Amino acid sequence: MSKAKLAILGKLPTKFKAPFNDPDFDIWAFNFHNEQLPRVDLWVDIHSKGANPKATLTRQNFPFDDCHKLLGGNYFNNTASYLIALGILKGYKEIHLYGMRFADDNEKRKQEYQNVRELIFFAKGKGIIIKAPFDSVMFQIYQLYGL
């Protein structure tokens, strides 16, 4: 870890709200979405097929085992979850998520969303601050139980 704060960027437009000009942040992007971004400190593509060869971390050198040990097993179904785990392992005190939305009309995306939320709460349990843009659906609860 070189900084205390990490921004993880997906492919959706909120990625442009990331703190590119803030030197306190490391910026990580994944898959094919970094070429249009002002700054990326780590580029990750861990897909088994069609991975971008320009990525810094790929399926060949990503610390999968370390992430699995962190959670006590392989509880990952998407890149964003792995990157949150890696951010925890690297000791970041604050992790921001941009460019991510998991559609609830697609079963695979629903499962990915649940997995990301599990990692968010795992990180929060370790005292890590997790943030997303105000208009992100990452933390929305539509109706509180009992109210």
N, C-alpha and C. Protein backbone atom coordinates (compact mmCIF):
# COMPACT_ATOMS: atom_id res chain seq x y z
N MET A 1 0.85 -1.18 0.00
CA MET A 1 0.00 0.00 0.00
C MET A 1 0.88 1.24 0.00
N SER A 2 0.59 2.15 -0.86
CA SER A 2 1.36 3.38 -0.87
C SER A 2 0.57 4.55 -0.27
N LYS A 3 -0.73 4.43 -0.20
CA LYS A 3 -1.57 5.51 0.32
C LYS A 3 -2.62 4.91 1.25
N ALA A 4 -3.31 5.76 2.00
CA ALA A 4 -4.32 5.27 2.94
C ALA A 4 -5.67 5.04 2.29
N LYS A 5 -5.88 5.66 1.11
CA LYS A 5 -7.19 5.59 0.46
C LYS A 5 -7.07 4.93 -0.91
N LEU A 6 -8.12 4.17 -1.24
CA LEU A 6 -8.16 3.45 -2.50
C LEU A 6 -9.48 3.72 -3.20
N ALA A 7 -9.44 3.97 -4.49
CA ALA A 7 -10.64 4.06 -5.32
C ALA A 7 -10.60 2.90 -6.31
N ILE A 8 -11.67 2.09 -6.32
CA ILE A 8 -11.80 0.97 -7.25
C ILE A 8 -12.84 1.36 -8.28
N LEU A 9 -12.47 1.27 -9.57
CA LEU A 9 -13.33 1.75 -10.64
C LEU A 9 -13.82 0.62 -11.53
N GLY A 10 -15.14 0.57 -11.71
CA GLY A 10 -15.75 -0.31 -12.69
C GLY A 10 -15.91 0.43 -14.00
N LYS A 11 -16.87 0.00 -14.81
CA LYS A 11 -16.97 0.56 -16.16
C LYS A 11 -18.05 1.63 -16.34
N LEU A 12 -18.93 1.80 -15.39
CA LEU A 12 -20.05 2.72 -15.58
C LEU A 12 -19.65 4.18 -15.37
N PRO A 13 -20.50 5.13 -15.80
CA PRO A 13 -20.12 6.55 -15.81
C PRO A 13 -19.69 7.13 -14.46
N THR A 14 -20.15 6.59 -13.34
CA THR A 14 -19.72 7.17 -12.06
C THR A 14 -18.22 7.00 -11.83
N LYS A 15 -17.56 6.20 -12.66
CA LYS A 15 -16.10 6.07 -12.54
C LYS A 15 -15.41 7.43 -12.73
N PHE A 16 -16.06 8.32 -13.47
CA PHE A 16 -15.46 9.64 -13.71
C PHE A 16 -15.59 10.57 -12.50
N LYS A 17 -16.31 10.12 -11.46
CA LYS A 17 -16.38 10.88 -10.21
C LYS A 17 -15.24 10.53 -9.27
N ALA A 18 -14.40 9.61 -9.67
CA ALA A 18 -13.28 9.18 -8.83
C ALA A 18 -12.31 10.34 -8.59
N PRO A 19 -11.58 10.30 -7.49
CA PRO A 19 -10.66 11.39 -7.12
C PRO A 19 -9.31 11.31 -7.84
N PHE A 20 -9.32 11.44 -9.15
CA PHE A 20 -8.11 11.30 -9.96
C PHE A 20 -7.02 12.30 -9.57
N ASN A 21 -7.43 13.49 -9.15
CA ASN A 21 -6.46 14.54 -8.82
C ASN A 21 -6.07 14.58 -7.35
N ASP A 22 -6.61 13.67 -6.57
CA ASP A 22 -6.30 13.64 -5.14
C ASP A 22 -5.12 12.70 -4.91
N PRO A 23 -3.98 13.24 -4.51
CA PRO A 23 -2.79 12.40 -4.34
C PRO A 23 -2.87 11.43 -3.16
N ASP A 24 -3.91 11.57 -2.32
CA ASP A 24 -4.07 10.64 -1.20
C ASP A 24 -4.66 9.30 -1.62
N PHE A 25 -5.11 9.21 -2.87
CA PHE A 25 -5.76 8.00 -3.37
C PHE A 25 -4.88 7.22 -4.33
N ASP A 26 -4.91 5.90 -4.19
CA ASP A 26 -4.50 5.00 -5.26
C ASP A 26 -5.75 4.72 -6.08
N ILE A 27 -5.60 4.63 -7.39
CA ILE A 27 -6.72 4.37 -8.30
C ILE A 27 -6.50 3.02 -8.96
N TRP A 28 -7.46 2.11 -8.77
CA TRP A 28 -7.42 0.80 -9.42
C TRP A 28 -8.61 0.69 -10.36
N ALA A 29 -8.38 0.18 -11.55
CA ALA A 29 -9.45 -0.07 -12.51
C ALA A 29 -9.34 -1.51 -12.97
N PHE A 30 -10.47 -2.04 -13.47
CA PHE A 30 -10.41 -3.43 -13.92
C PHE A 30 -11.03 -3.62 -15.29
N ASN A 31 -10.56 -4.69 -15.93
CA ASN A 31 -10.96 -5.13 -17.26
C ASN A 31 -10.46 -4.16 -18.33
N PHE A 32 -11.29 -3.78 -19.27
CA PHE A 32 -10.85 -2.96 -20.40
C PHE A 32 -11.18 -1.48 -20.23
N HIS A 33 -11.39 -1.03 -19.02
CA HIS A 33 -11.98 0.29 -18.82
C HIS A 33 -11.00 1.37 -18.39
N ASN A 34 -9.72 1.13 -18.44
CA ASN A 34 -8.79 2.14 -17.93
C ASN A 34 -8.29 3.11 -18.99
N GLU A 35 -8.42 2.78 -20.24
CA GLU A 35 -7.78 3.59 -21.28
C GLU A 35 -8.37 4.98 -21.42
N GLN A 36 -9.58 5.18 -20.94
CA GLN A 36 -10.20 6.50 -21.05
C GLN A 36 -10.14 7.28 -19.73
N LEU A 37 -9.40 6.78 -18.76
CA LEU A 37 -9.34 7.40 -17.45
C LEU A 37 -8.09 8.27 -17.31
N PRO A 38 -8.20 9.40 -16.59
CA PRO A 38 -7.05 10.29 -16.44
C PRO A 38 -5.86 9.66 -15.72
N ARG A 39 -6.14 8.76 -14.77
CA ARG A 39 -5.05 8.14 -14.01
C ARG A 39 -5.50 6.78 -13.52
N VAL A 40 -4.63 5.80 -13.66
CA VAL A 40 -4.85 4.47 -13.10
C VAL A 40 -3.50 3.99 -12.55
N ASP A 41 -3.49 3.65 -11.26
CA ASP A 41 -2.25 3.18 -10.63
C ASP A 41 -2.09 1.67 -10.72
N LEU A 42 -3.19 0.96 -10.80
CA LEU A 42 -3.15 -0.50 -10.95
C LEU A 42 -4.30 -0.92 -11.84
N TRP A 43 -3.99 -1.69 -12.86
CA TRP A 43 -4.99 -2.15 -13.80
C TRP A 43 -5.07 -3.66 -13.69
N VAL A 44 -6.28 -4.17 -13.45
CA VAL A 44 -6.48 -5.59 -13.17
C VAL A 44 -7.45 -6.19 -14.18
N ASP A 45 -7.08 -7.35 -14.71
CA ASP A 45 -8.01 -8.14 -15.53
C ASP A 45 -7.74 -9.61 -15.25
N ILE A 46 -8.64 -10.23 -14.49
CA ILE A 46 -8.43 -11.63 -14.07
C ILE A 46 -9.37 -12.60 -14.78
N HIS A 47 -9.95 -12.17 -15.89
CA HIS A 47 -10.80 -13.09 -16.66
C HIS A 47 -9.97 -14.23 -17.24
N SER A 48 -10.59 -15.38 -17.36
CA SER A 48 -9.87 -16.53 -17.91
C SER A 48 -9.77 -16.45 -19.43
N LYS A 49 -10.73 -15.79 -20.06
CA LYS A 49 -10.70 -15.65 -21.52
C LYS A 49 -10.84 -14.18 -21.88
N GLY A 50 -10.10 -13.76 -22.86
CA GLY A 50 -10.22 -12.40 -23.37
C GLY A 50 -9.67 -11.33 -22.46
N ALA A 51 -8.81 -11.69 -21.53
CA ALA A 51 -8.23 -10.69 -20.64
C ALA A 51 -7.32 -9.75 -21.42
N ASN A 52 -7.30 -8.51 -21.01
CA ASN A 52 -6.46 -7.53 -21.67
C ASN A 52 -5.01 -7.75 -21.28
N PRO A 53 -4.14 -8.00 -22.23
CA PRO A 53 -2.73 -8.30 -21.92
C PRO A 53 -1.96 -7.11 -21.35
N LYS A 54 -2.51 -5.91 -21.42
CA LYS A 54 -1.84 -4.73 -20.87
C LYS A 54 -2.04 -4.59 -19.36
N ALA A 55 -2.90 -5.41 -18.78
CA ALA A 55 -3.20 -5.30 -17.35
C ALA A 55 -1.97 -5.60 -16.50
N THR A 56 -1.85 -4.91 -15.38
CA THR A 56 -0.75 -5.11 -14.44
C THR A 56 -0.91 -6.42 -13.68
N LEU A 57 -2.11 -6.64 -13.15
CA LEU A 57 -2.43 -7.90 -12.46
C LEU A 57 -3.37 -8.70 -13.35
N THR A 58 -3.02 -9.94 -13.58
CA THR A 58 -3.82 -10.83 -14.41
C THR A 58 -4.08 -12.12 -13.65
N ARG A 59 -4.75 -13.03 -14.29
CA ARG A 59 -5.03 -14.34 -13.69
C ARG A 59 -3.74 -15.04 -13.28
N GLN A 60 -2.66 -14.76 -13.97
CA GLN A 60 -1.39 -15.43 -13.69
C GLN A 60 -0.68 -14.91 -12.43
N ASN A 61 -0.88 -13.65 -12.08
CA ASN A 61 -0.14 -13.11 -10.93
C ASN A 61 -1.02 -12.48 -9.85
N PHE A 62 -2.32 -12.64 -9.95
CA PHE A 62 -3.21 -12.11 -8.92
C PHE A 62 -3.13 -12.99 -7.67
N PRO A 63 -3.12 -12.40 -6.46
CA PRO A 63 -3.00 -13.18 -5.23
C PRO A 63 -4.33 -13.81 -4.77
N PHE A 64 -4.86 -14.71 -5.60
CA PHE A 64 -6.12 -15.37 -5.27
C PHE A 64 -6.06 -16.06 -3.91
N ASP A 65 -5.00 -16.82 -3.67
CA ASP A 65 -4.89 -17.58 -2.42
C ASP A 65 -4.94 -16.67 -1.20
N ASP A 66 -4.29 -15.53 -1.27
CA ASP A 66 -4.31 -14.59 -0.15
C ASP A 66 -5.74 -14.09 0.11
N CYS A 67 -6.47 -13.80 -0.96
CA CYS A 67 -7.85 -13.34 -0.82
C CYS A 67 -8.73 -14.44 -0.22
N HIS A 68 -8.53 -15.67 -0.67
CA HIS A 68 -9.31 -16.79 -0.14
C HIS A 68 -9.02 -17.00 1.34
N LYS A 69 -7.75 -16.89 1.72
CA LYS A 69 -7.37 -17.04 3.14
C LYS A 69 -8.00 -15.95 3.99
N LEU A 70 -8.08 -14.74 3.45
CA LEU A 70 -8.67 -13.63 4.19
C LEU A 70 -10.09 -13.96 4.64
N LEU A 71 -10.86 -14.60 3.75
CA LEU A 71 -12.26 -14.91 4.06
C LEU A 71 -12.46 -16.35 4.52
N GLY A 72 -11.41 -17.14 4.52
CA GLY A 72 -11.54 -18.53 4.94
C GLY A 72 -12.13 -19.44 3.88
N GLY A 73 -12.01 -19.06 2.62
CA GLY A 73 -12.51 -19.88 1.52
C GLY A 73 -12.70 -19.04 0.27
N ASN A 74 -13.09 -19.71 -0.81
CA ASN A 74 -13.31 -19.02 -2.08
C ASN A 74 -14.76 -18.56 -2.15
N TYR A 75 -15.00 -17.35 -1.68
CA TYR A 75 -16.35 -16.79 -1.68
C TYR A 75 -16.46 -15.63 -2.66
N PHE A 76 -15.82 -15.74 -3.80
CA PHE A 76 -15.75 -14.65 -4.75
C PHE A 76 -16.39 -15.04 -6.08
N ASN A 77 -17.18 -14.13 -6.65
CA ASN A 77 -17.75 -14.40 -7.97
C ASN A 77 -17.59 -13.23 -8.93
N ASN A 78 -16.71 -12.27 -8.60
CA ASN A 78 -16.50 -11.14 -9.50
C ASN A 78 -15.22 -10.40 -9.14
N THR A 79 -14.72 -9.62 -10.07
CA THR A 79 -13.47 -8.90 -9.90
C THR A 79 -13.56 -7.84 -8.81
N ALA A 80 -14.67 -7.12 -8.73
CA ALA A 80 -14.79 -6.06 -7.72
C ALA A 80 -14.60 -6.63 -6.31
N SER A 81 -15.18 -7.78 -6.04
CA SER A 81 -15.03 -8.40 -4.71
C SER A 81 -13.58 -8.74 -4.43
N TYR A 82 -12.91 -9.31 -5.42
CA TYR A 82 -11.49 -9.61 -5.25
C TYR A 82 -10.69 -8.33 -4.96
N LEU A 83 -11.02 -7.24 -5.63
CA LEU A 83 -10.26 -6.01 -5.43
C LEU A 83 -10.53 -5.39 -4.06
N ILE A 84 -11.74 -5.52 -3.56
CA ILE A 84 -12.02 -5.07 -2.20
C ILE A 84 -11.17 -5.88 -1.23
N ALA A 85 -11.15 -7.20 -1.42
CA ALA A 85 -10.33 -8.07 -0.55
C ALA A 85 -8.85 -7.69 -0.64
N LEU A 86 -8.37 -7.43 -1.84
CA LEU A 86 -6.97 -7.05 -2.01
C LEU A 86 -6.69 -5.71 -1.32
N GLY A 87 -7.64 -4.79 -1.40
CA GLY A 87 -7.50 -3.52 -0.70
C GLY A 87 -7.41 -3.70 0.81
N ILE A 88 -8.21 -4.63 1.34
CA ILE A 88 -8.14 -4.96 2.77
C ILE A 88 -6.76 -5.51 3.10
N LEU A 89 -6.31 -6.46 2.28
CA LEU A 89 -5.00 -7.08 2.51
C LEU A 89 -3.85 -6.07 2.44
N LYS A 90 -3.99 -5.08 1.58
CA LYS A 90 -2.94 -4.07 1.41
C LYS A 90 -2.97 -3.01 2.51
N GLY A 91 -4.00 -3.06 3.36
CA GLY A 91 -4.04 -2.17 4.50
C GLY A 91 -4.67 -0.81 4.29
N TYR A 92 -5.47 -0.65 3.22
CA TYR A 92 -6.14 0.63 3.01
C TYR A 92 -7.12 0.90 4.14
N LYS A 93 -7.19 2.15 4.56
CA LYS A 93 -8.10 2.56 5.64
C LYS A 93 -9.45 3.01 5.10
N GLU A 94 -9.47 3.34 3.81
CA GLU A 94 -10.69 3.83 3.18
C GLU A 94 -10.73 3.31 1.75
N ILE A 95 -11.87 2.76 1.35
CA ILE A 95 -12.05 2.23 -0.01
C ILE A 95 -13.30 2.86 -0.61
N HIS A 96 -13.14 3.47 -1.78
CA HIS A 96 -14.27 4.08 -2.49
C HIS A 96 -14.55 3.24 -3.74
N LEU A 97 -15.82 3.09 -4.06
CA LEU A 97 -16.25 2.28 -5.21
C LEU A 97 -16.96 3.18 -6.21
N TYR A 98 -16.50 3.15 -7.45
CA TYR A 98 -17.07 3.97 -8.52
C TYR A 98 -17.33 3.09 -9.74
N GLY A 99 -18.31 3.51 -10.54
CA GLY A 99 -18.55 2.83 -11.81
C GLY A 99 -19.13 1.44 -11.67
N MET A 100 -19.82 1.18 -10.56
CA MET A 100 -20.38 -0.15 -10.34
C MET A 100 -21.87 -0.05 -10.06
N ARG A 101 -22.61 -0.88 -10.73
CA ARG A 101 -24.04 -1.03 -10.48
C ARG A 101 -24.37 -2.45 -10.89
N PHE A 102 -25.08 -3.13 -10.05
CA PHE A 102 -25.39 -4.52 -10.33
C PHE A 102 -26.89 -4.64 -10.54
N ALA A 103 -27.30 -4.82 -11.78
CA ALA A 103 -28.71 -4.84 -12.14
C ALA A 103 -29.44 -5.96 -11.42
N ASP A 104 -30.63 -5.62 -10.91
CA ASP A 104 -31.39 -6.64 -10.21
C ASP A 104 -32.32 -7.42 -11.15
N ASP A 105 -32.23 -7.15 -12.44
CA ASP A 105 -33.04 -7.89 -13.40
C ASP A 105 -32.23 -9.02 -14.06
N ASN A 106 -31.03 -9.25 -13.57
CA ASN A 106 -30.15 -10.27 -14.12
C ASN A 106 -29.62 -11.11 -12.96
N GLU A 107 -29.88 -12.40 -12.98
CA GLU A 107 -29.54 -13.26 -11.84
C GLU A 107 -28.04 -13.26 -11.55
N LYS A 108 -27.22 -13.29 -12.58
CA LYS A 108 -25.76 -13.28 -12.36
C LYS A 108 -25.33 -11.98 -11.68
N ARG A 109 -25.86 -10.85 -12.14
CA ARG A 109 -25.52 -9.55 -11.55
C ARG A 109 -26.03 -9.45 -10.11
N LYS A 110 -27.19 -10.02 -9.83
CA LYS A 110 -27.70 -10.04 -8.45
C LYS A 110 -26.73 -10.76 -7.53
N GLN A 111 -26.23 -11.89 -7.99
CA GLN A 111 -25.28 -12.65 -7.18
C GLN A 111 -23.98 -11.88 -6.99
N GLU A 112 -23.53 -11.21 -8.03
CA GLU A 112 -22.31 -10.39 -7.91
C GLU A 112 -22.53 -9.25 -6.91
N TYR A 113 -23.69 -8.62 -6.99
CA TYR A 113 -24.02 -7.53 -6.08
C TYR A 113 -23.99 -8.01 -4.62
N GLN A 114 -24.60 -9.17 -4.38
CA GLN A 114 -24.59 -9.71 -3.02
C GLN A 114 -23.17 -10.00 -2.55
N ASN A 115 -22.35 -10.51 -3.45
CA ASN A 115 -20.96 -10.81 -3.10
C ASN A 115 -20.19 -9.54 -2.77
N VAL A 116 -20.38 -8.49 -3.55
CA VAL A 116 -19.72 -7.21 -3.27
C VAL A 116 -20.19 -6.66 -1.92
N ARG A 117 -21.48 -6.75 -1.66
CA ARG A 117 -22.00 -6.27 -0.37
C ARG A 117 -21.40 -7.05 0.80
N GLU A 118 -21.23 -8.36 0.62
CA GLU A 118 -20.59 -9.16 1.68
C GLU A 118 -19.19 -8.64 1.97
N LEU A 119 -18.44 -8.33 0.92
CA LEU A 119 -17.08 -7.81 1.11
C LEU A 119 -17.10 -6.42 1.72
N ILE A 120 -18.08 -5.61 1.35
CA ILE A 120 -18.22 -4.28 1.94
C ILE A 120 -18.40 -4.40 3.45
N PHE A 121 -19.30 -5.27 3.86
CA PHE A 121 -19.57 -5.40 5.30
C PHE A 121 -18.42 -6.07 6.03
N PHE A 122 -17.72 -6.96 5.36
CA PHE A 122 -16.52 -7.57 5.94
C PHE A 122 -15.49 -6.47 6.20
N ALA A 123 -15.29 -5.60 5.21
CA ALA A 123 -14.33 -4.50 5.36
C ALA A 123 -14.77 -3.56 6.48
N LYS A 124 -16.05 -3.22 6.51
CA LYS A 124 -16.55 -2.34 7.57
C LYS A 124 -16.32 -2.95 8.94
N GLY A 125 -16.48 -4.26 9.04
CA GLY A 125 -16.24 -4.95 10.30
C GLY A 125 -14.79 -4.86 10.75
N LYS A 126 -13.90 -4.61 9.82
CA LYS A 126 -12.48 -4.44 10.14
C LYS A 126 -12.12 -2.96 10.35
N GLY A 127 -13.15 -2.11 10.37
CA GLY A 127 -12.91 -0.69 10.62
C GLY A 127 -12.55 0.12 9.39
N ILE A 128 -12.69 -0.46 8.21
CA ILE A 128 -12.37 0.25 6.97
C ILE A 128 -13.58 1.06 6.53
N ILE A 129 -13.35 2.29 6.15
CA ILE A 129 -14.43 3.15 5.65
C ILE A 129 -14.67 2.79 4.19
N ILE A 130 -15.94 2.55 3.85
CA ILE A 130 -16.32 2.24 2.47
C ILE A 130 -17.27 3.33 2.00
N LYS A 131 -17.00 3.88 0.81
CA LYS A 131 -17.85 4.93 0.27
C LYS A 131 -18.13 4.66 -1.21
N ALA A 132 -19.25 5.23 -1.66
CA ALA A 132 -19.62 5.20 -3.07
C ALA A 132 -20.27 6.54 -3.38
N PRO A 133 -20.36 6.92 -4.66
CA PRO A 133 -21.03 8.17 -4.99
C PRO A 133 -22.45 8.20 -4.44
N PHE A 134 -22.93 9.40 -4.13
CA PHE A 134 -24.25 9.56 -3.54
C PHE A 134 -25.34 8.89 -4.36
N ASP A 135 -25.23 8.92 -5.68
CA ASP A 135 -26.27 8.35 -6.54
C ASP A 135 -26.05 6.87 -6.82
N SER A 136 -25.11 6.25 -6.15
CA SER A 136 -24.85 4.83 -6.35
C SER A 136 -25.92 3.99 -5.67
N VAL A 137 -26.24 2.85 -6.26
CA VAL A 137 -27.20 1.93 -5.63
C VAL A 137 -26.50 0.97 -4.68
N MET A 138 -25.19 1.09 -4.54
CA MET A 138 -24.43 0.13 -3.74
C MET A 138 -24.92 0.05 -2.30
N PHE A 139 -25.39 1.16 -1.73
CA PHE A 139 -25.77 1.16 -0.32
C PHE A 139 -27.24 1.47 -0.09
N GLN A 140 -28.02 1.47 -1.13
CA GLN A 140 -29.42 1.84 -0.96
C GLN A 140 -30.23 0.69 -0.37
N ILE A 141 -31.03 1.05 0.60
CA ILE A 141 -32.04 0.14 1.14
C ILE A 141 -33.35 0.86 0.91
N TYR A 142 -34.26 0.21 0.24
CA TYR A 142 -35.46 0.89 -0.22
C TYR A 142 -36.52 1.04 0.86
N GLN A 143 -36.53 0.14 1.81
CA GLN A 143 -37.45 0.28 2.93
C GLN A 143 -36.83 -0.41 4.13
N LEU A 144 -36.70 0.34 5.20
CA LEU A 144 -36.16 -0.25 6.42
C LEU A 144 -37.19 -1.15 7.05
N TYR A 145 -36.76 -2.28 7.51
CA TYR A 145 -37.65 -3.25 8.14
C TYR A 145 -38.24 -2.64 9.41
N GLY A 146 -39.53 -2.82 9.58
CA GLY A 146 -40.21 -2.37 10.78
C GLY A 146 -40.66 -0.92 10.76
N LEU A 147 -40.38 -0.22 9.69
CA LEU A 147 -40.79 1.19 9.62
C LEU A 147 -41.90 1.40 8.63
